[in-house]
Amino acid sequence: MNPSPQTPEDQASPPQKRFPLLLRSAWFGLNQSFRTRIKPLGLTPDQFTVLRWLHEKKDECIRPSDLAQLMSSDNNTITSIINRMETNGWVKRSPHLHDQRAKQLSIQEAGEALYFKAQAVANTLEEEVMNSLSKAERLMYLEFMHKISQACLDSRDPSRTAK
């Protein structure tokens, strides 16, 4: 990634006020807190995310490659996560309904029960963190994060950013 030229204002900004550092720090702090809170459930944040997507899309035929895209991950990482989760009886691979070469994933009863326990933990953590903002600030923050997320996705395609 080629950084844009810094303005004198950017150069004067203390490191703790720079966007990438703030975003990484917020994500890292949230992820670590969540990891600590769900550890007693025997679950990792990535496994929770797999369960969440499979729960939310259980009426769809989700392949591991679909899951990799939903999680902004790679196929090898997803395969490794799914292997462990399948061993635990949380998810199941079966022949895909429309693509004979692929497998589809489904959440199992044990995975669904675990998902709901971890979802309660996630909701509590989110509420604690978001309580640092007023209701208006929350709405504005979420709108800004949506725009930033989309801009980050768009930035992966050089043709969309060249103007």
C-alpha atoms as a PDB file:
ATOM      1  CA  MET A   1       0.000   0.000   0.000  1.00  0.00           C
ATOM      2  CA  ASN A   2       1.461   3.342  -1.011  1.00  0.00           C
ATOM      3  CA  PRO A   3       0.744   5.910   1.654  1.00  0.00           C
ATOM      4  CA  SER A   4      -0.470   9.257   0.394  1.00  0.00           C
ATOM      5  CA  PRO A   5       1.836  12.192   0.957  1.00  0.00           C
ATOM      6  CA  GLN A   6       1.586  13.489   4.480  1.00  0.00           C
ATOM      7  CA  THR A   7       0.438  17.008   5.142  1.00  0.00           C
ATOM      8  CA  PRO A   8       2.058  19.087   7.870  1.00  0.00           C
ATOM      9  CA  GLU A   9      -1.049  18.380   9.990  1.00  0.00           C
ATOM     10  CA  ASP A  10      -0.555  14.616   9.547  1.00  0.00           C
ATOM     11  CA  GLN A  11       3.080  14.855  10.506  1.00  0.00           C
ATOM     12  CA  ALA A  12       2.105  16.754  13.651  1.00  0.00           C
ATOM     13  CA  SER A  13      -0.473  14.110  14.669  1.00  0.00           C
ATOM     14  CA  PRO A  14       0.683  11.997  17.575  1.00  0.00           C
ATOM     15  CA  PRO A  15       0.866   8.279  16.697  1.00  0.00           C
ATOM     16  CA  GLN A  16      -2.138   7.435  18.914  1.00  0.00           C
ATOM     17  CA  LYS A  17      -4.355   9.636  16.694  1.00  0.00           C
ATOM     18  CA  ARG A  18      -3.515   7.988  13.360  1.00  0.00           C
ATOM     19  CA  PHE A  19      -6.368   6.095  11.740  1.00  0.00           C
ATOM     20  CA  PRO A  20      -4.649   2.734  11.050  1.00  0.00           C
ATOM     21  CA  LEU A  21      -3.221   2.581  14.567  1.00  0.00           C
ATOM     22  CA  LEU A  22      -6.557   3.457  16.181  1.00  0.00           C
ATOM     23  CA  LEU A  23      -8.428   0.918  14.063  1.00  0.00           C
ATOM     24  CA  ARG A  24      -5.924  -1.841  14.809  1.00  0.00           C
ATOM     25  CA  SER A  25      -5.851  -1.009  18.507  1.00  0.00           C
ATOM     26  CA  ALA A  26      -9.644  -1.037  18.765  1.00  0.00           C
ATOM     27  CA  TRP A  27      -9.902  -4.334  16.870  1.00  0.00           C
ATOM     28  CA  PHE A  28      -7.096  -5.958  18.829  1.00  0.00           C
ATOM     29  CA  GLY A  29      -8.532  -4.860  22.180  1.00  0.00           C
ATOM     30  CA  LEU A  30     -12.026  -6.036  21.311  1.00  0.00           C
ATOM     31  CA  ASN A  31     -10.776  -9.351  19.946  1.00  0.00           C
ATOM     32  CA  GLN A  32      -8.584 -10.022  22.985  1.00  0.00           C
ATOM     33  CA  SER A  33     -11.407  -9.187  25.390  1.00  0.00           C
ATOM     34  CA  PHE A  34     -13.802 -11.446  23.490  1.00  0.00           C
ATOM     35  CA  ARG A  35     -11.200 -14.232  23.315  1.00  0.00           C
ATOM     36  CA  THR A  36     -10.753 -14.088  27.099  1.00  0.00           C
ATOM     37  CA  ARG A  37     -14.497 -14.084  27.755  1.00  0.00           C
ATOM     38  CA  ILE A  38     -15.340 -17.047  25.497  1.00  0.00           C
ATOM     39  CA  LYS A  39     -12.312 -19.141  26.409  1.00  0.00           C
ATOM     40  CA  PRO A  40     -14.282 -20.983  29.144  1.00  0.00           C
ATOM     41  CA  LEU A  41     -16.672 -22.111  26.384  1.00  0.00           C
ATOM     42  CA  GLY A  42     -13.756 -23.761  24.536  1.00  0.00           C
ATOM     43  CA  LEU A  43     -14.263 -21.431  21.582  1.00  0.00           C
ATOM     44  CA  THR A  44     -12.072 -18.944  19.703  1.00  0.00           C
ATOM     45  CA  PRO A  45     -13.278 -15.717  18.052  1.00  0.00           C
ATOM     46  CA  ASP A  46     -12.756 -17.228  14.580  1.00  0.00           C
ATOM     47  CA  GLN A  47     -14.773 -20.320  15.519  1.00  0.00           C
ATOM     48  CA  PHE A  48     -17.521 -18.053  16.860  1.00  0.00           C
ATOM     49  CA  THR A  49     -17.540 -16.189  13.546  1.00  0.00           C
ATOM     50  CA  VAL A  50     -17.887 -19.487  11.655  1.00  0.00           C
ATOM     51  CA  LEU A  51     -20.817 -20.479  13.881  1.00  0.00           C
ATOM     52  CA  ARG A  52     -22.415 -17.066  13.452  1.00  0.00           C
ATOM     53  CA  TRP A  53     -22.256 -17.205   9.650  1.00  0.00           C
ATOM     54  CA  LEU A  54     -23.503 -20.792   9.521  1.00  0.00           C
ATOM     55  CA  HIS A  55     -26.344 -19.927  11.908  1.00  0.00           C
ATOM     56  CA  GLU A  56     -27.324 -16.809   9.950  1.00  0.00           C
ATOM     57  CA  LYS A  57     -27.129 -18.581   6.576  1.00  0.00           C
ATOM     58  CA  LYS A  58     -28.359 -22.019   7.549  1.00  0.00           C
ATOM     59  CA  ASP A  59     -30.946 -21.977   4.758  1.00  0.00           C
ATOM     60  CA  GLU A  60     -28.200 -21.495   2.173  1.00  0.00           C
ATOM     61  CA  CYS A  61     -25.616 -23.907   0.771  1.00  0.00           C
ATOM     62  CA  ILE A  62     -22.416 -22.459   2.222  1.00  0.00           C
ATOM     63  CA  ARG A  63     -19.137 -23.865   0.904  1.00  0.00           C
ATOM     64  CA  PRO A  64     -15.846 -23.401   2.747  1.00  0.00           C
ATOM     65  CA  SER A  65     -14.816 -20.942   0.003  1.00  0.00           C
ATOM     66  CA  ASP A  66     -17.997 -18.916   0.644  1.00  0.00           C
ATOM     67  CA  LEU A  67     -17.139 -18.841   4.323  1.00  0.00           C
ATOM     68  CA  ALA A  68     -13.582 -17.683   3.544  1.00  0.00           C
ATOM     69  CA  GLN A  69     -14.995 -14.769   1.576  1.00  0.00           C
ATOM     70  CA  LEU A  70     -17.542 -13.881   4.282  1.00  0.00           C
ATOM     71  CA  MET A  71     -14.791 -13.893   6.910  1.00  0.00           C
ATOM     72  CA  SER A  72     -12.206 -12.080   4.757  1.00  0.00           C
ATOM     73  CA  SER A  73      -9.915 -15.062   5.206  1.00  0.00           C
ATOM     74  CA  ASP A  74      -8.220 -17.637   3.015  1.00  0.00           C
ATOM     75  CA  ASN A  75      -9.313 -21.171   2.188  1.00  0.00           C
ATOM     76  CA  ASN A  76      -6.446 -22.857   4.065  1.00  0.00           C
ATOM     77  CA  THR A  77      -7.255 -21.037   7.303  1.00  0.00           C
ATOM     78  CA  ILE A  78     -10.951 -21.845   6.981  1.00  0.00           C
ATOM     79  CA  THR A  79     -10.183 -25.515   6.278  1.00  0.00           C
ATOM     80  CA  SER A  80      -8.073 -25.719   9.425  1.00  0.00           C
ATOM     81  CA  ILE A  81     -10.796 -24.081  11.550  1.00  0.00           C
ATOM     82  CA  ILE A  82     -13.512 -26.308  10.062  1.00  0.00           C
ATOM     83  CA  ASN A  83     -11.448 -29.458  10.669  1.00  0.00           C
ATOM     84  CA  ARG A  84     -11.243 -28.704  14.395  1.00  0.00           C
ATOM     85  CA  MET A  85     -14.884 -27.674  14.597  1.00  0.00           C
ATOM     86  CA  GLU A  86     -16.045 -30.802  12.786  1.00  0.00           C
ATOM     87  CA  THR A  87     -14.019 -32.947  15.204  1.00  0.00           C
ATOM     88  CA  ASN A  88     -15.839 -31.180  18.068  1.00  0.00           C
ATOM     89  CA  GLY A  89     -19.217 -31.923  16.475  1.00  0.00           C
ATOM     90  CA  TRP A  90     -20.085 -28.241  15.970  1.00  0.00           C
ATOM     91  CA  VAL A  91     -20.231 -28.240  12.162  1.00  0.00           C
ATOM     92  CA  LYS A  92     -20.642 -30.824   9.444  1.00  0.00           C
ATOM     93  CA  ARG A  93     -19.431 -31.092   5.857  1.00  0.00           C
ATOM     94  CA  SER A  94     -21.672 -32.825   3.374  1.00  0.00           C
ATOM     95  CA  PRO A  95     -21.964 -32.989  -0.421  1.00  0.00           C
ATOM     96  CA  HIS A  96     -23.063 -29.657  -1.873  1.00  0.00           C
ATOM     97  CA  LEU A  97     -26.573 -29.691  -3.320  1.00  0.00           C
ATOM     98  CA  HIS A  98     -25.654 -27.887  -6.556  1.00  0.00           C
ATOM     99  CA  ASP A  99     -21.912 -28.444  -6.988  1.00  0.00           C
ATOM    100  CA  GLN A 100     -20.776 -32.076  -6.939  1.00  0.00           C
ATOM    101  CA  ARG A 101     -17.131 -31.026  -6.568  1.00  0.00           C
ATOM    102  CA  ALA A 102     -17.750 -29.022  -3.407  1.00  0.00           C
ATOM    103  CA  LYS A 103     -18.801 -29.597   0.180  1.00  0.00           C
ATOM    104  CA  GLN A 104     -21.367 -27.545   2.010  1.00  0.00           C
ATOM    105  CA  LEU A 105     -21.192 -26.655   5.670  1.00  0.00           C
ATOM    106  CA  SER A 106     -23.920 -26.812   8.249  1.00  0.00           C
ATOM    107  CA  ILE A 107     -24.077 -25.945  11.914  1.00  0.00           C
ATOM    108  CA  GLN A 108     -24.845 -28.892  14.178  1.00  0.00           C
ATOM    109  CA  GLU A 109     -27.005 -28.893  17.308  1.00  0.00           C
ATOM    110  CA  ALA A 110     -23.953 -28.679  19.603  1.00  0.00           C
ATOM    111  CA  GLY A 111     -22.594 -25.791  17.515  1.00  0.00           C
ATOM    112  CA  GLU A 112     -25.922 -23.983  17.631  1.00  0.00           C
ATOM    113  CA  ALA A 113     -26.083 -24.275  21.432  1.00  0.00           C
ATOM    114  CA  LEU A 114     -22.504 -23.036  21.721  1.00  0.00           C
ATOM    115  CA  TYR A 115     -23.230 -20.176  19.336  1.00  0.00           C
ATOM    116  CA  PHE A 116     -26.101 -18.911  21.498  1.00  0.00           C
ATOM    117  CA  LYS A 117     -23.938 -18.985  24.643  1.00  0.00           C
ATOM    118  CA  ALA A 118     -21.131 -17.101  22.915  1.00  0.00           C
ATOM    119  CA  GLN A 119     -23.588 -14.674  21.298  1.00  0.00           C
ATOM    120  CA  ALA A 120     -24.762 -13.638  24.764  1.00  0.00           C
ATOM    121  CA  VAL A 121     -21.128 -12.933  25.704  1.00  0.00           C
ATOM    122  CA  ALA A 122     -20.613 -10.953  22.480  1.00  0.00           C
ATOM    123  CA  ASN A 123     -23.758  -8.888  23.093  1.00  0.00           C
ATOM    124  CA  THR A 124     -22.660  -8.037  26.642  1.00  0.00           C
ATOM    125  CA  LEU A 125     -19.191  -7.004  25.466  1.00  0.00           C
ATOM    126  CA  GLU A 126     -20.594  -4.902  22.628  1.00  0.00           C
ATOM    127  CA  GLU A 127     -22.961  -3.145  25.014  1.00  0.00           C
ATOM    128  CA  GLU A 128     -20.128  -2.431  27.478  1.00  0.00           C
ATOM    129  CA  VAL A 129     -17.912  -0.975  24.756  1.00  0.00           C
ATOM    130  CA  MET A 130     -20.658   1.000  23.038  1.00  0.00           C
ATOM    131  CA  ASN A 131     -21.783   2.469  26.379  1.00  0.00           C
ATOM    132  CA  SER A 132     -18.724   4.717  26.108  1.00  0.00           C
ATOM    133  CA  LEU A 133     -20.707   6.615  23.449  1.00  0.00           C
ATOM    134  CA  SER A 134     -24.021   8.447  23.565  1.00  0.00           C
ATOM    135  CA  LYS A 135     -26.878   7.023  21.477  1.00  0.00           C
ATOM    136  CA  ALA A 136     -26.261   9.659  18.783  1.00  0.00           C
ATOM    137  CA  GLU A 137     -22.517   8.939  18.801  1.00  0.00           C
ATOM    138  CA  ARG A 138     -23.197   5.199  18.445  1.00  0.00           C
ATOM    139  CA  LEU A 139     -25.347   5.720  15.378  1.00  0.00           C
ATOM    140  CA  MET A 140     -22.814   8.087  13.850  1.00  0.00           C
ATOM    141  CA  TYR A 141     -19.894   5.775  14.675  1.00  0.00           C
ATOM    142  CA  LEU A 142     -21.603   2.765  13.118  1.00  0.00           C
ATOM    143  CA  GLU A 143     -22.441   4.774   9.987  1.00  0.00           C
ATOM    144  CA  PHE A 144     -18.835   5.972   9.715  1.00  0.00           C
ATOM    145  CA  MET A 145     -17.473   2.454  10.240  1.00  0.00           C
ATOM    146  CA  HIS A 146     -19.783   1.150   7.517  1.00  0.00           C
ATOM    147  CA  LYS A 147     -18.430   3.784   5.108  1.00  0.00           C
ATOM    148  CA  ILE A 148     -14.826   3.066   6.107  1.00  0.00           C
ATOM    149  CA  SER A 149     -15.350  -0.673   5.729  1.00  0.00           C
ATOM    150  CA  GLN A 150     -16.743  -0.175   2.239  1.00  0.00           C
ATOM    151  CA  ALA A 151     -13.902   2.180   1.312  1.00  0.00           C
ATOM    152  CA  CYS A 152     -11.373  -0.411   2.495  1.00  0.00           C
ATOM    153  CA  LEU A 153     -13.068  -3.101   0.392  1.00  0.00           C
ATOM    154  CA  ASP A 154     -13.179  -0.765  -2.604  1.00  0.00           C
ATOM    155  CA  SER A 155      -9.497   0.089  -2.193  1.00  0.00           C
ATOM    156  CA  ARG A 156      -8.577  -3.510  -3.030  1.00  0.00           C
ATOM    157  CA  ASP A 157      -9.605  -2.798  -6.637  1.00  0.00           C
ATOM    158  CA  PRO A 158      -7.154  -0.249  -8.106  1.00  0.00           C
ATOM    159  CA  SER A 159      -9.562   0.624 -10.931  1.00  0.00           C
ATOM    160  CA  ARG A 160     -12.088   1.936  -8.386  1.00  0.00           C
ATOM    161  CA  THR A 161      -9.612   4.258  -6.679  1.00  0.00           C
ATOM    162  CA  ALA A 162      -7.920   5.684  -9.787  1.00  0.00           C
ATOM    163  CA  LYS A 163      -9.594   8.988 -10.552  1.00  0.00           C
END
